[in-house]
Amino acid sequence: MNENVWLVVPLYNEATVIGDVVRHARATFPNVVCVDDGSRDASAAEALAAGAHLVQHPVNLGQGAALQTGFEFALADPRMEYVVTFDADGQHQIDDVLVMLDQLRRNDLDLVIGSRFLDERTQPSRLKKLVLRLAVAYTNATTHTRLTDAHNGLRVLSRPVVERVDITQNRMAHASELVAQFGEMRLDGRPLRYEEAPVHILYTDYSMSKGQSLWNSVNILVELMLR
C-alpha cells in the first residue's frame, strides 16, 4: 500500500482544507508529513486529526524551508524510496501522483516533474500562462534542464535525489533552485534521469486566494531573476 512513499506537504494557514486533503491522500498513501510553517490558524491540529505526521516551524520561513524540513523527516524512515512534494490547498491530484510513480518505476527514472502544459486539463489565465512561460524560458537558459513547466510543485523524487537536495531559497524561488540542482546533480557519475508528466492543477477560488494569483507568478519571476 505504497508504504515506501512519503508525501511532503508544506502547510501554512490552510485549516479549512488540509483535513480533507490529508484524509484523501492517506487513502492511497498512508505516509504523509505536514510541515506547519508558522501557521496562525488551526492547520496543525487539523492535519494531526486527519492522520498526518506533523513537524512545526515556530515562525514562517517559507515553502522552500518547509520542503527541506519535510525531506529530512522522510529520510529518517529507512523504508522510504520515494518522496512526493504535494500542496496543501487541494490543487494537486492523487491520481496524477499514481501515474507519475508508475512512470518513474517503469522507465527507471530518478525524478518525475509535473507539467501543466502537456495536456489541456489545466487552464491558467493567458497572462499567468505567459509569465510561467517566461519563467520556464529563463530557467531552461540558466540550468542544465529542459522543462515545459519549471514551477510546478507536484514532483516525485527517488531517495538518492532527496538525499542530495539542499534548498537554501526559502520563498517561491526555491522551485527554480531545485531545478538548477536537478540539472547539476550526478548519481554514480551520471546525470539524473528525469521526465515530465502531464498533471491537472485544479485552480479553485480558494487556491487562487491562497497564492495562485497572477501577481504570485510575477513574484516568482522577479525572485528567480534576483536570486
C-alpha atoms as a PDB file:
ATOM      1  CA  MET A   1       0.000   0.000   0.000  1.00  0.00           C
ATOM      2  CA  ASN A   2       2.725   2.461  -1.010  1.00  0.00           C
ATOM      3  CA  GLU A   3       4.490   2.159   2.349  1.00  0.00           C
ATOM      4  CA  ASN A   4       7.749   3.284   0.723  1.00  0.00           C
ATOM      5  CA  VAL A   5       6.281   6.613  -0.456  1.00  0.00           C
ATOM      6  CA  TRP A   6       6.148   9.811   1.615  1.00  0.00           C
ATOM      7  CA  LEU A   7       4.052  12.851   0.742  1.00  0.00           C
ATOM      8  CA  VAL A   8       5.712  16.054   1.963  1.00  0.00           C
ATOM      9  CA  VAL A   9       3.122  18.813   2.390  1.00  0.00           C
ATOM     10  CA  PRO A  10       4.198  22.383   3.246  1.00  0.00           C
ATOM     11  CA  LEU A  11       1.433  23.862   5.373  1.00  0.00           C
ATOM     12  CA  TYR A  12       0.632  27.494   6.110  1.00  0.00           C
ATOM     13  CA  ASN A  13      -2.807  28.706   7.209  1.00  0.00           C
ATOM     14  CA  GLU A  14      -4.801  26.003   5.405  1.00  0.00           C
ATOM     15  CA  ALA A  15      -7.056  24.913   8.279  1.00  0.00           C
ATOM     16  CA  THR A  16     -10.211  24.979   6.150  1.00  0.00           C
ATOM     17  CA  VAL A  17      -8.957  22.400   3.639  1.00  0.00           C
ATOM     18  CA  ILE A  18      -5.946  20.492   4.994  1.00  0.00           C
ATOM     19  CA  GLY A  19      -8.022  17.872   6.801  1.00  0.00           C
ATOM     20  CA  ASP A  20      -9.768  16.809   3.605  1.00  0.00           C
ATOM     21  CA  VAL A  21      -6.511  16.943   1.624  1.00  0.00           C
ATOM     22  CA  VAL A  22      -4.729  14.675   4.115  1.00  0.00           C
ATOM     23  CA  ARG A  23      -7.597  12.217   4.502  1.00  0.00           C
ATOM     24  CA  HIS A  24      -7.957  11.852   0.740  1.00  0.00           C
ATOM     25  CA  ALA A  25      -4.197  11.428   0.259  1.00  0.00           C
ATOM     26  CA  ARG A  26      -3.851   8.866   3.059  1.00  0.00           C
ATOM     27  CA  ALA A  27      -6.460   6.613   1.463  1.00  0.00           C
ATOM     28  CA  THR A  28      -3.722   5.835  -1.079  1.00  0.00           C
ATOM     29  CA  PHE A  29      -0.506   6.996   0.589  1.00  0.00           C
ATOM     30  CA  PRO A  30      -0.500   6.389   4.359  1.00  0.00           C
ATOM     31  CA  ASN A  31       2.762   8.271   4.946  1.00  0.00           C
ATOM     32  CA  VAL A  32       2.026  11.996   4.905  1.00  0.00           C
ATOM     33  CA  VAL A  33       4.106  14.589   6.724  1.00  0.00           C
ATOM     34  CA  CYS A  34       2.780  18.128   7.006  1.00  0.00           C
ATOM     35  CA  VAL A  35       5.343  20.812   7.804  1.00  0.00           C
ATOM     36  CA  ASP A  36       3.416  23.559   9.551  1.00  0.00           C
ATOM     37  CA  ASP A  37       5.333  26.698   8.669  1.00  0.00           C
ATOM     38  CA  GLY A  38       4.272  29.008  11.500  1.00  0.00           C
ATOM     39  CA  SER A  39       0.530  28.898  10.794  1.00  0.00           C
ATOM     40  CA  ARG A  40      -1.643  31.263  12.787  1.00  0.00           C
ATOM     41  CA  ASP A  41      -4.779  29.130  12.454  1.00  0.00           C
ATOM     42  CA  ALA A  42      -5.706  25.533  13.344  1.00  0.00           C
ATOM     43  CA  SER A  43      -3.787  23.990  10.431  1.00  0.00           C
ATOM     44  CA  ALA A  44      -1.567  21.841  12.661  1.00  0.00           C
ATOM     45  CA  ALA A  45      -4.483  20.451  14.660  1.00  0.00           C
ATOM     46  CA  GLU A  46      -6.483  19.674  11.506  1.00  0.00           C
ATOM     47  CA  ALA A  47      -3.529  17.881   9.901  1.00  0.00           C
ATOM     48  CA  LEU A  48      -2.948  15.769  13.008  1.00  0.00           C
ATOM     49  CA  ALA A  49      -6.634  14.904  13.295  1.00  0.00           C
ATOM     50  CA  ALA A  50      -6.587  13.686   9.695  1.00  0.00           C
ATOM     51  CA  GLY A  51      -3.694  11.324  10.450  1.00  0.00           C
ATOM     52  CA  ALA A  52      -0.675  13.198   9.137  1.00  0.00           C
ATOM     53  CA  HIS A  53       2.706  13.292  10.820  1.00  0.00           C
ATOM     54  CA  LEU A  54       3.461  16.854  11.857  1.00  0.00           C
ATOM     55  CA  VAL A  55       6.616  18.950  12.066  1.00  0.00           C
ATOM     56  CA  GLN A  56       6.287  22.590  13.072  1.00  0.00           C
ATOM     57  CA  HIS A  57       8.366  25.691  12.384  1.00  0.00           C
ATOM     58  CA  PRO A  58       7.910  28.214  15.218  1.00  0.00           C
ATOM     59  CA  VAL A  59       7.850  31.069  12.674  1.00  0.00           C
ATOM     60  CA  ASN A  60       7.021  31.308   8.983  1.00  0.00           C
ATOM     61  CA  LEU A  61      10.168  30.530   6.990  1.00  0.00           C
ATOM     62  CA  GLY A  62       8.697  29.902   3.538  1.00  0.00           C
ATOM     63  CA  GLN A  63       7.796  26.958   1.340  1.00  0.00           C
ATOM     64  CA  GLY A  64      11.391  26.115   0.451  1.00  0.00           C
ATOM     65  CA  ALA A  65      12.314  25.731   4.109  1.00  0.00           C
ATOM     66  CA  ALA A  66       9.194  23.644   4.733  1.00  0.00           C
ATOM     67  CA  LEU A  67      10.092  21.270   1.906  1.00  0.00           C
ATOM     68  CA  GLN A  68      13.647  20.860   3.179  1.00  0.00           C
ATOM     69  CA  THR A  69      12.334  20.036   6.660  1.00  0.00           C
ATOM     70  CA  GLY A  70       9.916  17.527   5.158  1.00  0.00           C
ATOM     71  CA  PHE A  71      12.674  15.886   3.126  1.00  0.00           C
ATOM     72  CA  GLU A  72      14.784  15.454   6.256  1.00  0.00           C
ATOM     73  CA  PHE A  73      11.816  13.931   8.099  1.00  0.00           C
ATOM     74  CA  ALA A  74      11.139  11.447   5.278  1.00  0.00           C
ATOM     75  CA  LEU A  75      14.816  10.470   5.066  1.00  0.00           C
ATOM     76  CA  ALA A  76      14.643   9.307   8.687  1.00  0.00           C
ATOM     77  CA  ASP A  77      12.430   6.414   7.516  1.00  0.00           C
ATOM     78  CA  PRO A  78      14.753   3.677   6.176  1.00  0.00           C
ATOM     79  CA  ARG A  79      11.863   2.229   4.152  1.00  0.00           C
ATOM     80  CA  MET A  80      11.370   5.447   2.180  1.00  0.00           C
ATOM     81  CA  GLU A  81      12.165   5.086  -1.515  1.00  0.00           C
ATOM     82  CA  TYR A  82      10.170   7.982  -2.995  1.00  0.00           C
ATOM     83  CA  VAL A  83       9.084  11.440  -1.885  1.00  0.00           C
ATOM     84  CA  VAL A  84       6.197  13.357  -3.426  1.00  0.00           C
ATOM     85  CA  THR A  85       6.002  17.134  -2.989  1.00  0.00           C
ATOM     86  CA  PHE A  86       2.318  17.881  -2.593  1.00  0.00           C
ATOM     87  CA  ASP A  87       0.411  21.122  -1.978  1.00  0.00           C
ATOM     88  CA  ALA A  88      -1.891  21.682   0.999  1.00  0.00           C
ATOM     89  CA  ASP A  89      -4.627  23.646  -0.776  1.00  0.00           C
ATOM     90  CA  GLY A  90      -6.244  20.851  -2.803  1.00  0.00           C
ATOM     91  CA  GLN A  91      -4.903  21.761  -6.240  1.00  0.00           C
ATOM     92  CA  HIS A  92      -2.870  18.546  -6.717  1.00  0.00           C
ATOM     93  CA  GLN A  93      -4.473  15.245  -7.699  1.00  0.00           C
ATOM     94  CA  ILE A  94      -3.625  11.864  -6.162  1.00  0.00           C
ATOM     95  CA  ASP A  95      -4.420  10.162  -9.477  1.00  0.00           C
ATOM     96  CA  ASP A  96      -1.591  12.179 -11.058  1.00  0.00           C
ATOM     97  CA  VAL A  97       0.787  11.023  -8.326  1.00  0.00           C
ATOM     98  CA  LEU A  98      -0.020   7.384  -9.084  1.00  0.00           C
ATOM     99  CA  VAL A  99       0.692   7.911 -12.786  1.00  0.00           C
ATOM    100  CA  MET A 100       3.965   9.720 -12.018  1.00  0.00           C
ATOM    101  CA  LEU A 101       5.147   6.966  -9.671  1.00  0.00           C
ATOM    102  CA  ASP A 102       4.375   4.340 -12.293  1.00  0.00           C
ATOM    103  CA  GLN A 103       6.253   6.390 -14.899  1.00  0.00           C
ATOM    104  CA  LEU A 104       9.299   6.700 -12.624  1.00  0.00           C
ATOM    105  CA  ARG A 105       9.412   2.995 -11.839  1.00  0.00           C
ATOM    106  CA  ARG A 106       8.597   1.778 -15.345  1.00  0.00           C
ATOM    107  CA  ASN A 107      11.171   3.997 -17.061  1.00  0.00           C
ATOM    108  CA  ASP A 108      13.891   3.606 -14.396  1.00  0.00           C
ATOM    109  CA  LEU A 109      13.925   7.338 -13.637  1.00  0.00           C
ATOM    110  CA  ASP A 110      15.281   9.336 -10.714  1.00  0.00           C
ATOM    111  CA  LEU A 111      12.730  12.134 -10.909  1.00  0.00           C
ATOM    112  CA  VAL A 112       9.363  12.992 -12.461  1.00  0.00           C
ATOM    113  CA  ILE A 113       8.165  16.606 -12.573  1.00  0.00           C
ATOM    114  CA  GLY A 114       4.560  17.583 -13.215  1.00  0.00           C
ATOM    115  CA  SER A 115       3.672  19.892 -16.091  1.00  0.00           C
ATOM    116  CA  ARG A 116       0.529  21.945 -16.658  1.00  0.00           C
ATOM    117  CA  PHE A 117       1.366  22.336 -20.334  1.00  0.00           C
ATOM    118  CA  LEU A 118       1.451  18.762 -21.635  1.00  0.00           C
ATOM    119  CA  ASP A 119      -2.319  18.407 -21.901  1.00  0.00           C
ATOM    120  CA  GLU A 120      -5.401  20.634 -21.773  1.00  0.00           C
ATOM    121  CA  ARG A 121      -6.754  19.826 -18.305  1.00  0.00           C
ATOM    122  CA  THR A 122      -5.224  22.842 -16.536  1.00  0.00           C
ATOM    123  CA  GLN A 123      -6.477  26.230 -17.662  1.00  0.00           C
ATOM    124  CA  PRO A 124      -4.447  29.135 -16.246  1.00  0.00           C
ATOM    125  CA  SER A 125      -5.276  32.606 -17.483  1.00  0.00           C
ATOM    126  CA  ARG A 126      -3.460  33.879 -20.559  1.00  0.00           C
ATOM    127  CA  LEU A 127      -1.392  36.316 -18.504  1.00  0.00           C
ATOM    128  CA  LYS A 128      -0.477  33.678 -15.932  1.00  0.00           C
ATOM    129  CA  LYS A 129       0.487  31.288 -18.723  1.00  0.00           C
ATOM    130  CA  LEU A 130       2.688  33.985 -20.289  1.00  0.00           C
ATOM    131  CA  VAL A 131       4.503  34.669 -17.017  1.00  0.00           C
ATOM    132  CA  LEU A 132       5.025  30.949 -16.386  1.00  0.00           C
ATOM    133  CA  ARG A 133       6.371  30.508 -19.922  1.00  0.00           C
ATOM    134  CA  LEU A 134       8.843  33.342 -19.309  1.00  0.00           C
ATOM    135  CA  ALA A 135       9.964  31.658 -16.105  1.00  0.00           C
ATOM    136  CA  VAL A 136      10.456  28.375 -17.982  1.00  0.00           C
ATOM    137  CA  ALA A 137      12.479  30.092 -20.702  1.00  0.00           C
ATOM    138  CA  TYR A 138      14.724  31.743 -18.121  1.00  0.00           C
ATOM    139  CA  THR A 139      15.179  28.533 -16.140  1.00  0.00           C
ATOM    140  CA  ASN A 140      15.991  26.466 -19.227  1.00  0.00           C
ATOM    141  CA  ALA A 141      18.523  29.082 -20.321  1.00  0.00           C
ATOM    142  CA  THR A 142      20.299  29.144 -16.962  1.00  0.00           C
ATOM    143  CA  THR A 143      20.212  25.466 -15.891  1.00  0.00           C
ATOM    144  CA  HIS A 144      21.125  22.112 -17.388  1.00  0.00           C
ATOM    145  CA  THR A 145      17.473  21.154 -17.825  1.00  0.00           C
ATOM    146  CA  ARG A 146      14.769  21.306 -20.472  1.00  0.00           C
ATOM    147  CA  LEU A 147      11.299  21.592 -18.996  1.00  0.00           C
ATOM    148  CA  THR A 148       7.890  22.863 -20.056  1.00  0.00           C
ATOM    149  CA  ASP A 149       6.822  23.864 -16.514  1.00  0.00           C
ATOM    150  CA  ALA A 150       9.652  24.815 -14.169  1.00  0.00           C
ATOM    151  CA  HIS A 151       7.428  25.980 -11.286  1.00  0.00           C
ATOM    152  CA  ASN A 152       5.124  23.017 -10.837  1.00  0.00           C
ATOM    153  CA  GLY A 153       5.032  21.912  -7.210  1.00  0.00           C
ATOM    154  CA  LEU A 154       3.998  18.308  -7.913  1.00  0.00           C
ATOM    155  CA  ARG A 155       7.135  16.166  -8.151  1.00  0.00           C
ATOM    156  CA  VAL A 156       8.193  12.581  -7.449  1.00  0.00           C
ATOM    157  CA  LEU A 157      11.789  12.190  -6.268  1.00  0.00           C
ATOM    158  CA  SER A 158      13.713   8.986  -5.655  1.00  0.00           C
ATOM    159  CA  ARG A 159      15.557   8.627  -2.368  1.00  0.00           C
ATOM    160  CA  PRO A 160      19.040   9.284  -3.839  1.00  0.00           C
ATOM    161  CA  VAL A 161      17.763  12.614  -5.214  1.00  0.00           C
ATOM    162  CA  VAL A 162      16.187  13.595  -1.887  1.00  0.00           C
ATOM    163  CA  GLU A 163      19.459  12.788  -0.119  1.00  0.00           C
ATOM    164  CA  ARG A 164      21.316  15.286  -2.311  1.00  0.00           C
ATOM    165  CA  VAL A 165      18.821  18.166  -2.378  1.00  0.00           C
ATOM    166  CA  ASP A 166      19.774  21.199  -0.294  1.00  0.00           C
ATOM    167  CA  ILE A 167      17.210  24.014  -0.547  1.00  0.00           C
ATOM    168  CA  THR A 168      18.504  27.417   0.570  1.00  0.00           C
ATOM    169  CA  GLN A 169      15.890  29.618  -1.142  1.00  0.00           C
ATOM    170  CA  ASN A 170      13.097  29.661   1.418  1.00  0.00           C
ATOM    171  CA  ARG A 171      10.472  31.575  -0.581  1.00  0.00           C
ATOM    172  CA  MET A 172       8.974  30.888  -4.021  1.00  0.00           C
ATOM    173  CA  ALA A 173      12.351  30.945  -5.823  1.00  0.00           C
ATOM    174  CA  HIS A 174      13.068  27.562  -4.234  1.00  0.00           C
ATOM    175  CA  ALA A 175      11.397  25.906  -7.236  1.00  0.00           C
ATOM    176  CA  SER A 176      13.998  27.352  -9.593  1.00  0.00           C
ATOM    177  CA  GLU A 177      16.768  26.425  -7.175  1.00  0.00           C
ATOM    178  CA  LEU A 178      15.505  22.831  -7.162  1.00  0.00           C
ATOM    179  CA  VAL A 179      15.520  22.684 -10.952  1.00  0.00           C
ATOM    180  CA  ALA A 180      19.079  24.046 -11.011  1.00  0.00           C
ATOM    181  CA  GLN A 181      20.163  21.389  -8.511  1.00  0.00           C
ATOM    182  CA  PHE A 182      18.470  18.674 -10.548  1.00  0.00           C
ATOM    183  CA  GLY A 183      20.368  19.845 -13.633  1.00  0.00           C
ATOM    184  CA  GLU A 184      23.730  19.756 -11.849  1.00  0.00           C
ATOM    185  CA  MET A 185      23.164  16.593  -9.813  1.00  0.00           C
ATOM    186  CA  ARG A 186      25.038  13.387 -10.562  1.00  0.00           C
ATOM    187  CA  LEU A 187      24.191   9.887  -9.392  1.00  0.00           C
ATOM    188  CA  ASP A 188      27.043   7.401  -9.739  1.00  0.00           C
ATOM    189  CA  GLY A 189      28.705   9.863 -12.096  1.00  0.00           C
ATOM    190  CA  ARG A 190      25.759  10.233 -14.464  1.00  0.00           C
ATOM    191  CA  PRO A 191      23.171  12.998 -14.894  1.00  0.00           C
ATOM    192  CA  LEU A 192      19.725  12.490 -13.408  1.00  0.00           C
ATOM    193  CA  ARG A 193      17.255  10.531 -15.477  1.00  0.00           C
ATOM    194  CA  TYR A 194      14.096  12.641 -15.405  1.00  0.00           C
ATOM    195  CA  GLU A 195      10.878  13.158 -17.349  1.00  0.00           C
ATOM    196  CA  GLU A 196       7.848  15.388 -17.114  1.00  0.00           C
ATOM    197  CA  ALA A 197       4.289  14.127 -16.722  1.00  0.00           C
ATOM    198  CA  PRO A 198       1.020  15.892 -17.570  1.00  0.00           C
ATOM    199  CA  VAL A 199      -0.842  16.880 -14.412  1.00  0.00           C
ATOM    200  CA  HIS A 200      -4.098  18.630 -13.622  1.00  0.00           C
ATOM    201  CA  ILE A 201      -3.642  21.633 -11.352  1.00  0.00           C
ATOM    202  CA  LEU A 202      -7.080  22.484 -10.018  1.00  0.00           C
ATOM    203  CA  TYR A 203      -7.414  26.258  -9.710  1.00  0.00           C
ATOM    204  CA  THR A 204     -10.287  26.979  -7.349  1.00  0.00           C
ATOM    205  CA  ASP A 205     -11.384  30.287  -5.882  1.00  0.00           C
ATOM    206  CA  TYR A 206      -9.796  29.124  -2.640  1.00  0.00           C
ATOM    207  CA  SER A 207      -6.402  28.198  -4.129  1.00  0.00           C
ATOM    208  CA  MET A 208      -6.319  31.420  -6.133  1.00  0.00           C
ATOM    209  CA  SER A 209      -6.884  33.406  -2.954  1.00  0.00           C
ATOM    210  CA  LYS A 210      -4.063  31.495  -1.239  1.00  0.00           C
ATOM    211  CA  GLY A 211      -1.285  32.372  -3.656  1.00  0.00           C
ATOM    212  CA  GLN A 212      -2.058  31.171  -7.179  1.00  0.00           C
ATOM    213  CA  SER A 213      -2.828  34.641  -8.498  1.00  0.00           C
ATOM    214  CA  LEU A 214      -1.115  36.348 -11.419  1.00  0.00           C
ATOM    215  CA  TRP A 215       0.821  38.558  -9.012  1.00  0.00           C
ATOM    216  CA  ASN A 216       2.219  35.481  -7.326  1.00  0.00           C
ATOM    217  CA  SER A 217       3.516  34.289 -10.691  1.00  0.00           C
ATOM    218  CA  VAL A 218       5.111  37.687 -11.282  1.00  0.00           C
ATOM    219  CA  ASN A 219       6.743  37.498  -7.850  1.00  0.00           C
ATOM    220  CA  ILE A 220       8.172  34.090  -8.747  1.00  0.00           C
ATOM    221  CA  LEU A 221       9.706  35.549 -11.898  1.00  0.00           C
ATOM    222  CA  VAL A 222      11.199  38.503 -10.022  1.00  0.00           C
ATOM    223  CA  GLU A 223      12.623  36.284  -7.262  1.00  0.00           C
ATOM    224  CA  LEU A 224      14.044  33.968  -9.903  1.00  0.00           C
ATOM    225  CA  MET A 225      15.999  36.745 -11.602  1.00  0.00           C
ATOM    226  CA  LEU A 226      17.183  38.297  -8.345  1.00  0.00           C
ATOM    227  CA  ARG A 227      18.312  35.142  -6.545  1.00  0.00           C
END
